[in-house]
């Protein structure tokens, strides 16, 4: 069974057993379970239900595998012939989640 969920401003189409990288869930640790209730579509084949905007009573249960930082993104600014160079970096905090079950 497939489901399209909305979490932290992004949409994902998931099935049971999928592993995703999403923005970090605040105040969570590895091994915690979370229910995502913002389900936009659920079903498969001819048994698909679409929400308006959400499917009533549907939820997706996920488990957090780990909280980590993504690889570094380098921001480099330069103006030629002016002696102006700035180098900064950023590492996004991520949660790696696994979809355990989809409840329609």
PDB file of N, CA and C in Angstrom:
ATOM      1  N   UNK A   1       0.840  -1.171   0.000  1.00  0.00           N
ATOM      2  CA  UNK A   1       0.000   0.000   0.000  1.00  0.00           C
ATOM      3  C   UNK A   1       0.890   1.240   0.000  1.00  0.00           C
ATOM      4  N   UNK A   2       0.490   2.241  -0.747  1.00  0.00           N
ATOM      5  CA  UNK A   2       1.233   3.493  -0.843  1.00  0.00           C
ATOM      6  C   UNK A   2       0.476   4.599  -0.128  1.00  0.00           C
ATOM      7  N   UNK A   3       1.226   5.595   0.293  1.00  0.00           N
ATOM      8  CA  UNK A   3       0.618   6.772   0.903  1.00  0.00           C
ATOM      9  C   UNK A   3       1.471   7.981   0.559  1.00  0.00           C
ATOM     10  N   UNK A   4       0.825   9.113   0.359  1.00  0.00           N
ATOM     11  CA  UNK A   4       1.528  10.371   0.186  1.00  0.00           C
ATOM     12  C   UNK A   4       1.334  11.166   1.455  1.00  0.00           C
ATOM     13  N   UNK A   5       2.455  11.467   2.130  1.00  0.00           N
ATOM     14  CA  UNK A   5       2.380  12.174   3.404  1.00  0.00           C
ATOM     15  C   UNK A   5       2.986  13.557   3.264  1.00  0.00           C
ATOM     16  N   UNK A   6       2.598  14.426   4.184  1.00  0.00           N
ATOM     17  CA  UNK A   6       3.156  15.767   4.233  1.00  0.00           C
ATOM     18  C   UNK A   6       3.773  15.947   5.615  1.00  0.00           C
ATOM     19  N   UNK A   7       5.067  16.225   5.638  1.00  0.00           N
ATOM     20  CA  UNK A   7       5.742  16.465   6.900  1.00  0.00           C
ATOM     21  C   UNK A   7       6.774  17.565   6.727  1.00  0.00           C
ATOM     22  N   UNK A   8       6.742  18.539   7.601  1.00  0.00           N
ATOM     23  CA  UNK A   8       7.701  19.643   7.633  1.00  0.00           C
ATOM     24  C   UNK A   8       7.760  20.397   6.313  1.00  0.00           C
ATOM     25  N   UNK A   9       6.594  20.590   5.695  1.00  0.00           N
ATOM     26  CA  UNK A   9       6.517  21.370   4.469  1.00  0.00           C
ATOM     27  C   UNK A   9       6.893  20.632   3.197  1.00  0.00           C
ATOM     28  N   UNK A  10       7.170  19.335   3.278  1.00  0.00           N
ATOM     29  CA  UNK A  10       7.537  18.552   2.101  1.00  0.00           C
ATOM     30  C   UNK A  10       6.617  17.350   1.984  1.00  0.00           C
ATOM     31  N   UNK A  11       6.428  16.866   0.746  1.00  0.00           N
ATOM     32  CA  UNK A  11       5.569  15.714   0.503  1.00  0.00           C
ATOM     33  C   UNK A  11       6.417  14.530   0.045  1.00  0.00           C
ATOM     34  N   UNK A  12       6.048  13.343   0.538  1.00  0.00           N
ATOM     35  CA  UNK A  12       6.746  12.116   0.184  1.00  0.00           C
ATOM     36  C   UNK A  12       5.712  11.043  -0.133  1.00  0.00           C
ATOM     37  N   UNK A  13       5.954  10.252  -1.171  1.00  0.00           N
ATOM     38  CA  UNK A  13       5.147   9.069  -1.447  1.00  0.00           C
ATOM     39  C   UNK A  13       5.921   7.877  -0.914  1.00  0.00           C
ATOM     40  N   UNK A  14       5.310   7.151   0.037  1.00  0.00           N
ATOM     41  CA  UNK A  14       6.025   6.092   0.753  1.00  0.00           C
ATOM     42  C   UNK A  14       5.254   4.786   0.706  1.00  0.00           C
ATOM     43  N   UNK A  15       5.977   3.690   0.900  1.00  0.00           N
ATOM     44  CA  UNK A  15       5.397   2.374   1.116  1.00  0.00           C
ATOM     45  C   UNK A  15       6.006   1.830   2.401  1.00  0.00           C
ATOM     46  N   UNK A  16       5.481   0.724   2.897  1.00  0.00           N
ATOM     47  CA  UNK A  16       6.006   0.149   4.131  1.00  0.00           C
ATOM     48  C   UNK A  16       7.437  -0.322   3.922  1.00  0.00           C
ATOM     49  N   UNK A  17       8.313   0.013   4.859  1.00  0.00           N
ATOM     50  CA  UNK A  17       9.712  -0.376   4.779  1.00  0.00           C
ATOM     51  C   UNK A  17      10.624   0.665   4.162  1.00  0.00           C
ATOM     52  N   UNK A  18      10.084   1.765   3.633  1.00  0.00           N
ATOM     53  CA  UNK A  18      10.918   2.806   3.036  1.00  0.00           C
ATOM     54  C   UNK A  18      11.726   3.529   4.107  1.00  0.00           C
ATOM     55  N   UNK A  19      12.928   3.966   3.725  1.00  0.00           N
ATOM     56  CA  UNK A  19      13.790   4.751   4.602  1.00  0.00           C
ATOM     57  C   UNK A  19      13.962   6.124   3.965  1.00  0.00           C
ATOM     58  N   UNK A  20      13.686   7.194   4.734  1.00  0.00           N
ATOM     59  CA  UNK A  20      13.736   8.557   4.225  1.00  0.00           C
ATOM     60  C   UNK A  20      14.641   9.424   5.082  1.00  0.00           C
ATOM     61  N   UNK A  21      15.182  10.492   4.468  1.00  0.00           N
ATOM     62  CA  UNK A  21      15.893  11.531   5.207  1.00  0.00           C
ATOM     63  C   UNK A  21      15.014  12.775   5.176  1.00  0.00           C
ATOM     64  N   UNK A  22      14.609  13.241   6.355  1.00  0.00           N
ATOM     65  CA  UNK A  22      13.770  14.426   6.466  1.00  0.00           C
ATOM     66  C   UNK A  22      14.421  15.379   7.454  1.00  0.00           C
ATOM     67  N   UNK A  23      13.921  16.614   7.511  1.00  0.00           N
ATOM     68  CA  UNK A  23      14.410  17.550   8.509  1.00  0.00           C
ATOM     69  C   UNK A  23      14.171  16.968   9.895  1.00  0.00           C
ATOM     70  N   UNK A  24      15.009  17.353  10.831  1.00  0.00           N
ATOM     71  CA  UNK A  24      14.989  16.739  12.155  1.00  0.00           C
ATOM     72  C   UNK A  24      13.648  16.993  12.854  1.00  0.00           C
ATOM     73  N   UNK A  25      13.128  15.939  13.512  1.00  0.00           N
ATOM     74  CA  UNK A  25      11.954  16.080  14.360  1.00  0.00           C
ATOM     75  C   UNK A  25      12.432  16.592  15.717  1.00  0.00           C
ATOM     76  N   UNK A  26      11.897  17.693  16.211  1.00  0.00           N
ATOM     77  CA  UNK A  26      12.407  18.249  17.468  1.00  0.00           C
ATOM     78  C   UNK A  26      12.123  17.332  18.654  1.00  0.00           C
ATOM     79  N   UNK A  27      13.071  17.298  19.577  1.00  0.00           N
ATOM     80  CA  UNK A  27      12.960  16.562  20.836  1.00  0.00           C
ATOM     81  C   UNK A  27      12.689  15.072  20.624  1.00  0.00           C
ATOM     82  N   UNK A  28      13.415  14.456  19.705  1.00  0.00           N
ATOM     83  CA  UNK A  28      13.290  13.026  19.478  1.00  0.00           C
ATOM     84  C   UNK A  28      14.668  12.385  19.518  1.00  0.00           C
ATOM     85  N   UNK A  29      14.673  11.086  19.744  1.00  0.00           N
ATOM     86  CA  UNK A  29      15.911  10.327  19.754  1.00  0.00           C
ATOM     87  C   UNK A  29      15.739   9.097  18.875  1.00  0.00           C
ATOM     88  N   UNK A  30      16.841   8.406  18.640  1.00  0.00           N
ATOM     89  CA  UNK A  30      16.794   7.184  17.843  1.00  0.00           C
ATOM     90  C   UNK A  30      15.940   6.141  18.553  1.00  0.00           C
ATOM     91  N   UNK A  31      15.073   5.484  17.802  1.00  0.00           N
ATOM     92  CA  UNK A  31      14.189   4.470  18.366  1.00  0.00           C
ATOM     93  C   UNK A  31      12.793   4.973  18.682  1.00  0.00           C
ATOM     94  N   UNK A  32      12.571   6.273  18.668  1.00  0.00           N
ATOM     95  CA  UNK A  32      11.236   6.825  18.942  1.00  0.00           C
ATOM     96  C   UNK A  32      10.296   6.544  17.773  1.00  0.00           C
ATOM     97  N   UNK A  33       9.014   6.389  18.086  1.00  0.00           N
ATOM     98  CA  UNK A  33       7.979   6.200  17.058  1.00  0.00           C
ATOM     99  C   UNK A  33       7.136   7.455  16.961  1.00  0.00           C
ATOM    100  N   UNK A  34       6.778   7.808  15.738  1.00  0.00           N
ATOM    101  CA  UNK A  34       5.977   9.003  15.485  1.00  0.00           C
ATOM    102  C   UNK A  34       4.841   8.629  14.551  1.00  0.00           C
ATOM    103  N   UNK A  35       3.646   9.149  14.815  1.00  0.00           N
ATOM    104  CA  UNK A  35       2.513   8.990  13.907  1.00  0.00           C
ATOM    105  C   UNK A  35       2.372  10.268  13.088  1.00  0.00           C
ATOM    106  N   UNK A  36       2.367  10.130  11.772  1.00  0.00           N
ATOM    107  CA  UNK A  36       2.167  11.261  10.870  1.00  0.00           C
ATOM    108  C   UNK A  36       0.721  11.196  10.398  1.00  0.00           C
ATOM    109  N   UNK A  37      -0.057  12.215  10.771  1.00  0.00           N
ATOM    110  CA  UNK A  37      -1.488  12.214  10.478  1.00  0.00           C
ATOM    111  C   UNK A  37      -1.837  13.005   9.223  1.00  0.00           C
ATOM    112  N   UNK A  38      -0.889  13.718   8.644  1.00  0.00           N
ATOM    113  CA  UNK A  38      -1.151  14.500   7.438  1.00  0.00           C
ATOM    114  C   UNK A  38      -0.941  13.607   6.219  1.00  0.00           C
ATOM    115  N   UNK A  39      -1.964  12.816   5.890  1.00  0.00           N
ATOM    116  CA  UNK A  39      -1.920  11.883   4.756  1.00  0.00           C
ATOM    117  C   UNK A  39      -2.785  12.463   3.640  1.00  0.00           C
ATOM    118  N   UNK A  40      -2.184  12.674   2.470  1.00  0.00           N
ATOM    119  CA  UNK A  40      -2.888  13.293   1.345  1.00  0.00           C
ATOM    120  C   UNK A  40      -3.534  12.256   0.430  1.00  0.00           C
ATOM    121  N   UNK A  41      -2.919  11.058   0.332  1.00  0.00           N
ATOM    122  CA  UNK A  41      -3.434  10.002  -0.531  1.00  0.00           C
ATOM    123  C   UNK A  41      -3.037   8.681   0.084  1.00  0.00           C
ATOM    124  N   UNK A  42      -3.938   7.695  -0.002  1.00  0.00           N
ATOM    125  CA  UNK A  42      -3.634   6.374   0.523  1.00  0.00           C
ATOM    126  C   UNK A  42      -4.305   5.329  -0.359  1.00  0.00           C
ATOM    127  N   UNK A  43      -3.640   4.183  -0.554  1.00  0.00           N
ATOM    128  CA  UNK A  43      -4.214   3.102  -1.345  1.00  0.00           C
ATOM    129  C   UNK A  43      -3.290   2.684  -2.460  1.00  0.00           C
ATOM    130  N   UNK A  44      -3.808   1.747  -3.269  1.00  0.00           N
ATOM    131  CA  UNK A  44      -3.023   1.259  -4.400  1.00  0.00           C
ATOM    132  C   UNK A  44      -3.986   0.684  -5.439  1.00  0.00           C
ATOM    133  N   UNK A  45      -3.653   0.876  -6.706  1.00  0.00           N
ATOM    134  CA  UNK A  45      -4.484   0.353  -7.783  1.00  0.00           C
ATOM    135  C   UNK A  45      -5.807   1.101  -7.873  1.00  0.00           C
ATOM    136  N   UNK A  46      -6.911   0.340  -7.831  1.00  0.00           N
ATOM    137  CA  UNK A  46      -8.236   0.955  -7.929  1.00  0.00           C
ATOM    138  C   UNK A  46      -8.782   1.357  -6.563  1.00  0.00           C
ATOM    139  N   UNK A  47      -8.091   1.007  -5.493  1.00  0.00           N
ATOM    140  CA  UNK A  47      -8.539   1.302  -4.127  1.00  0.00           C
ATOM    141  C   UNK A  47      -7.838   2.540  -3.571  1.00  0.00           C
ATOM    142  N   UNK A  48      -7.713   3.601  -4.351  1.00  0.00           N
ATOM    143  CA  UNK A  48      -7.023   4.811  -3.928  1.00  0.00           C
ATOM    144  C   UNK A  48      -8.031   5.802  -3.371  1.00  0.00           C
ATOM    145  N   UNK A  49      -7.671   6.381  -2.208  1.00  0.00           N
ATOM    146  CA  UNK A  49      -8.490   7.443  -1.597  1.00  0.00           C
ATOM    147  C   UNK A  49      -7.678   8.724  -1.540  1.00  0.00           C
ATOM    148  N   UNK A  50      -8.267   9.805  -2.042  1.00  0.00           N
ATOM    149  CA  UNK A  50      -7.632  11.117  -2.007  1.00  0.00           C
ATOM    150  C   UNK A  50      -8.324  11.965  -0.957  1.00  0.00           C
ATOM    151  N   UNK A  51      -7.548  12.790  -0.271  1.00  0.00           N
ATOM    152  CA  UNK A  51      -8.106  13.667   0.735  1.00  0.00           C
ATOM    153  C   UNK A  51      -8.462  15.016   0.165  1.00  0.00           C
ATOM    154  N   UNK A  52      -9.199  15.769   0.950  1.00  0.00           N
ATOM    155  CA  UNK A  52      -9.587  17.113   0.533  1.00  0.00           C
ATOM    156  C   UNK A  52      -9.390  18.072   1.694  1.00  0.00           C
ATOM    157  N   UNK A  53      -8.205  18.447   2.113  1.00  0.00           N
ATOM    158  CA  UNK A  53      -6.892  18.077   1.605  1.00  0.00           C
ATOM    159  C   UNK A  53      -6.317  16.819   2.253  1.00  0.00           C
ATOM    160  N   UNK A  54      -6.856  16.372   3.416  1.00  0.00           N
ATOM    161  CA  UNK A  54      -6.299  15.205   4.099  1.00  0.00           C
ATOM    162  C   UNK A  54      -7.303  14.058   4.104  1.00  0.00           C
ATOM    163  N   UNK A  55      -6.805  12.820   4.123  1.00  0.00           N
ATOM    164  CA  UNK A  55      -7.650  11.635   4.222  1.00  0.00           C
ATOM    165  C   UNK A  55      -8.027  11.455   5.688  1.00  0.00           C
ATOM    166  N   UNK A  56      -9.324  11.408   5.962  1.00  0.00           N
ATOM    167  CA  UNK A  56      -9.804  11.293   7.341  1.00  0.00           C
ATOM    168  C   UNK A  56      -9.476   9.913   7.899  1.00  0.00           C
ATOM    169  N   UNK A  57      -8.891   9.871   9.082  1.00  0.00           N
ATOM    170  CA  UNK A  57      -8.614   8.612   9.767  1.00  0.00           C
ATOM    171  C   UNK A  57      -7.362   7.890   9.320  1.00  0.00           C
ATOM    172  N   UNK A  58      -6.639   8.422   8.358  1.00  0.00           N
ATOM    173  CA  UNK A  58      -5.429   7.753   7.873  1.00  0.00           C
ATOM    174  C   UNK A  58      -4.209   8.272   8.623  1.00  0.00           C
ATOM    175  N   UNK A  59      -3.235   7.386   8.844  1.00  0.00           N
ATOM    176  CA  UNK A  59      -1.996   7.785   9.487  1.00  0.00           C
ATOM    177  C   UNK A  59      -0.875   6.857   9.056  1.00  0.00           C
ATOM    178  N   UNK A  60       0.342   7.341   9.210  1.00  0.00           N
ATOM    179  CA  UNK A  60       1.528   6.565   8.874  1.00  0.00           C
ATOM    180  C   UNK A  60       2.414   6.548  10.112  1.00  0.00           C
ATOM    181  N   UNK A  61       2.806   5.344  10.530  1.00  0.00           N
ATOM    182  CA  UNK A  61       3.667   5.198  11.701  1.00  0.00           C
ATOM    183  C   UNK A  61       5.106   5.043  11.231  1.00  0.00           C
ATOM    184  N   UNK A  62       6.004   5.912  11.744  1.00  0.00           N
ATOM    185  CA  UNK A  62       7.415   5.869  11.386  1.00  0.00           C
ATOM    186  C   UNK A  62       8.263   5.719  12.643  1.00  0.00           C
ATOM    187  N   UNK A  63       9.444   5.142  12.467  1.00  0.00           N
ATOM    188  CA  UNK A  63      10.414   5.002  13.549  1.00  0.00           C
ATOM    189  C   UNK A  63      11.672   5.756  13.158  1.00  0.00           C
ATOM    190  N   UNK A  64      12.219   6.506  14.105  1.00  0.00           N
ATOM    191  CA  UNK A  64      13.442   7.257  13.849  1.00  0.00           C
ATOM    192  C   UNK A  64      14.631   6.325  14.024  1.00  0.00           C
ATOM    193  N   UNK A  65      15.407   6.157  12.965  1.00  0.00           N
ATOM    194  CA  UNK A  65      16.601   5.322  13.025  1.00  0.00           C
ATOM    195  C   UNK A  65      17.772   6.083  13.628  1.00  0.00           C
ATOM    196  N   UNK A  66      17.956   7.350  13.214  1.00  0.00           N
ATOM    197  CA  UNK A  66      19.022   8.175  13.779  1.00  0.00           C
ATOM    198  C   UNK A  66      18.783   9.641  13.462  1.00  0.00           C
ATOM    199  N   UNK A  67      19.333  10.504  14.302  1.00  0.00           N
ATOM    200  CA  UNK A  67      19.392  11.936  14.050  1.00  0.00           C
ATOM    201  C   UNK A  67      20.846  12.262  13.740  1.00  0.00           C
ATOM    202  N   UNK A  68      21.079  12.942  12.627  1.00  0.00           N
ATOM    203  CA  UNK A  68      22.446  13.218  12.221  1.00  0.00           C
ATOM    204  C   UNK A  68      22.508  14.532  11.456  1.00  0.00           C
ATOM    205  N   UNK A  69      23.720  14.883  11.036  1.00  0.00           N
ATOM    206  CA  UNK A  69      23.916  16.057  10.205  1.00  0.00           C
ATOM    207  C   UNK A  69      24.224  15.607   8.784  1.00  0.00           C
ATOM    208  N   UNK A  70      23.735  16.359   7.815  1.00  0.00           N
ATOM    209  CA  UNK A  70      24.001  16.079   6.415  1.00  0.00           C
ATOM    210  C   UNK A  70      25.418  16.532   6.067  1.00  0.00           C
ATOM    211  N   UNK A  71      25.859  16.248   4.851  1.00  0.00           N
ATOM    212  CA  UNK A  71      27.198  16.684   4.457  1.00  0.00           C
ATOM    213  C   UNK A  71      27.228  18.205   4.324  1.00  0.00           C
ATOM    214  N   UNK A  72      28.420  18.756   4.425  1.00  0.00           N
ATOM    215  CA  UNK A  72      28.585  20.203   4.450  1.00  0.00           C
ATOM    216  C   UNK A  72      28.360  20.816   3.071  1.00  0.00           C
ATOM    217  N   UNK A  73      27.642  21.927   3.054  1.00  0.00           N
ATOM    218  CA  UNK A  73      27.450  22.725   1.856  1.00  0.00           C
ATOM    219  C   UNK A  73      28.292  23.979   2.032  1.00  0.00           C
ATOM    220  N   UNK A  74      29.162  24.263   1.066  1.00  0.00           N
ATOM    221  CA  UNK A  74      30.055  25.418   1.155  1.00  0.00           C
ATOM    222  C   UNK A  74      29.451  26.584   0.392  1.00  0.00           C
ATOM    223  N   UNK A  75      29.379  27.738   1.067  1.00  0.00           N
ATOM    224  CA  UNK A  75      28.902  28.974   0.451  1.00  0.00           C
ATOM    225  C   UNK A  75      30.121  29.861   0.245  1.00  0.00           C
ATOM    226  N   UNK A  76      30.447  30.162  -0.995  1.00  0.00           N
ATOM    227  CA  UNK A  76      31.639  30.943  -1.306  1.00  0.00           C
ATOM    228  C   UNK A  76      31.225  32.167  -2.102  1.00  0.00           C
ATOM    229  N   UNK A  77      31.577  33.353  -1.582  1.00  0.00           N
ATOM    230  CA  UNK A  77      31.272  34.608  -2.262  1.00  0.00           C
ATOM    231  C   UNK A  77      32.580  35.282  -2.645  1.00  0.00           C
ATOM    232  N   UNK A  78      32.605  35.843  -3.842  1.00  0.00           N
ATOM    233  CA  UNK A  78      33.804  36.522  -4.303  1.00  0.00           C
ATOM    234  C   UNK A  78      33.430  37.629  -5.270  1.00  0.00           C
ATOM    235  N   UNK A  79      34.117  38.759  -5.126  1.00  0.00           N
ATOM    236  CA  UNK A  79      34.015  39.827  -6.108  1.00  0.00           C
ATOM    237  C   UNK A  79      35.405  40.001  -6.715  1.00  0.00           C
ATOM    238  N   UNK A  80      35.491  39.797  -7.994  1.00  0.00           N
ATOM    239  CA  UNK A  80      36.811  39.783  -8.621  1.00  0.00           C
ATOM    240  C   UNK A  80      37.478  41.164  -8.574  1.00  0.00           C
ATOM    241  N   UNK A  81      38.758  41.110  -8.431  1.00  0.00           N
ATOM    242  CA  UNK A  81      39.651  42.290  -8.397  1.00  0.00           C
ATOM    243  C   UNK A  81      39.364  43.239  -7.235  1.00  0.00           C
ATOM    244  N   UNK A  82      38.590  42.822  -6.253  1.00  0.00           N
ATOM    245  CA  UNK A  82      38.280  43.691  -5.118  1.00  0.00           C
ATOM    246  C   UNK A  82      38.906  43.190  -3.818  1.00  0.00           C
ATOM    247  N   UNK A  83      39.465  41.989  -3.837  1.00  0.00           N
ATOM    248  CA  UNK A  83      40.032  41.426  -2.621  1.00  0.00           C
ATOM    249  C   UNK A  83      38.947  40.955  -1.653  1.00  0.00           C
ATOM    250  N   UNK A  84      37.755  40.688  -2.164  1.00  0.00           N
ATOM    251  CA  UNK A  84      36.620  40.282  -1.329  1.00  0.00           C
ATOM    252  C   UNK A  84      36.351  38.795  -1.520  1.00  0.00           C
ATOM    253  N   UNK A  85      36.558  38.004  -0.463  1.00  0.00           N
ATOM    254  CA  UNK A  85      36.251  36.577  -0.479  1.00  0.00           C
ATOM    255  C   UNK A  85      35.646  36.208   0.865  1.00  0.00           C
ATOM    256  N   UNK A  86      34.557  35.468   0.848  1.00  0.00           N
ATOM    257  CA  UNK A  86      33.922  34.979   2.070  1.00  0.00           C
ATOM    258  C   UNK A  86      33.598  33.509   1.881  1.00  0.00           C
ATOM    259  N   UNK A  87      33.936  32.692   2.868  1.00  0.00           N
ATOM    260  CA  UNK A  87      33.676  31.262   2.797  1.00  0.00           C
ATOM    261  C   UNK A  87      32.930  30.857   4.059  1.00  0.00           C
ATOM    262  N   UNK A  88      31.750  30.268   3.875  1.00  0.00           N
ATOM    263  CA  UNK A  88      30.944  29.794   4.996  1.00  0.00           C
ATOM    264  C   UNK A  88      30.464  28.386   4.689  1.00  0.00           C
ATOM    265  N   UNK A  89      30.067  27.680   5.710  1.00  0.00           N
ATOM    266  CA  UNK A  89      29.564  26.326   5.533  1.00  0.00           C
ATOM    267  C   UNK A  89      28.271  26.134   6.302  1.00  0.00           C
ATOM    268  N   UNK A  90      27.517  25.113   5.902  1.00  0.00           N
ATOM    269  CA  UNK A  90      26.258  24.800   6.573  1.00  0.00           C
ATOM    270  C   UNK A  90      26.049  23.299   6.542  1.00  0.00           C
ATOM    271  N   UNK A  91      25.604  22.738   7.676  1.00  0.00           N
ATOM    272  CA  UNK A  91      25.249  21.318   7.751  1.00  0.00           C
ATOM    273  C   UNK A  91      23.837  21.220   8.297  1.00  0.00           C
ATOM    274  N   UNK A  92      22.937  20.669   7.491  1.00  0.00           N
ATOM    275  CA  UNK A  92      21.530  20.536   7.867  1.00  0.00           C
ATOM    276  C   UNK A  92      21.350  19.366   8.829  1.00  0.00           C
ATOM    277  N   UNK A  93      20.527  19.563   9.867  1.00  0.00           N
ATOM    278  CA  UNK A  93      20.190  18.488  10.791  1.00  0.00           C
ATOM    279  C   UNK A  93      19.097  17.620  10.167  1.00  0.00           C
ATOM    280  N   UNK A  94      19.304  16.300  10.162  1.00  0.00           N
ATOM    281  CA  UNK A  94      18.384  15.365   9.522  1.00  0.00           C
ATOM    282  C   UNK A  94      17.948  14.284  10.494  1.00  0.00           C
ATOM    283  N   UNK A  95      16.767  13.733  10.231  1.00  0.00           N
ATOM    284  CA  UNK A  95      16.318  12.511  10.882  1.00  0.00           C
ATOM    285  C   UNK A  95      16.170  11.456   9.803  1.00  0.00           C
ATOM    286  N   UNK A  96      16.737  10.283  10.036  1.00  0.00           N
ATOM    287  CA  UNK A  96      16.564   9.152   9.123  1.00  0.00           C
ATOM    288  C   UNK A  96      15.416   8.331   9.698  1.00  0.00           C
ATOM    289  N   UNK A  97      14.317   8.199   8.920  1.00  0.00           N
ATOM    290  CA  UNK A  97      13.122   7.515   9.413  1.00  0.00           C
ATOM    291  C   UNK A  97      12.808   6.302   8.549  1.00  0.00           C
ATOM    292  N   UNK A  98      12.140   5.338   9.168  1.00  0.00           N
ATOM    293  CA  UNK A  98      11.702   4.144   8.453  1.00  0.00           C
ATOM    294  C   UNK A  98      10.190   4.017   8.623  1.00  0.00           C
ATOM    295  N   UNK A  99       9.486   3.801   7.519  1.00  0.00           N
ATOM    296  CA  UNK A  99       8.023   3.661   7.545  1.00  0.00           C
ATOM    297  C   UNK A  99       7.692   2.262   8.038  1.00  0.00           C
ATOM    298  N   UNK A 100       7.001   2.177   9.171  1.00  0.00           N
ATOM    299  CA  UNK A 100       6.651   0.890   9.756  1.00  0.00           C
ATOM    300  C   UNK A 100       5.302   0.375   9.235  1.00  0.00           C
ATOM    301  N   UNK A 101       4.275   1.231   9.287  1.00  0.00           N
ATOM    302  CA  UNK A 101       2.945   0.782   8.855  1.00  0.00           C
ATOM    303  C   UNK A 101       2.134   1.953   8.324  1.00  0.00           C
ATOM    304  N   UNK A 102       1.200   1.628   7.439  1.00  0.00           N
ATOM    305  CA  UNK A 102       0.280   2.612   6.862  1.00  0.00           C
ATOM    306  C   UNK A 102      -1.131   2.194   7.228  1.00  0.00           C
ATOM    307  N   UNK A 103      -1.854   3.073   7.920  1.00  0.00           N
ATOM    308  CA  UNK A 103      -3.223   2.794   8.341  1.00  0.00           C
ATOM    309  C   UNK A 103      -4.170   3.623   7.492  1.00  0.00           C
ATOM    310  N   UNK A 104      -5.057   2.972   6.763  1.00  0.00           N
ATOM    311  CA  UNK A 104      -5.964   3.684   5.853  1.00  0.00           C
ATOM    312  C   UNK A 104      -7.194   4.136   6.558  1.00  0.00           C
TER     313      UNK A 104
END
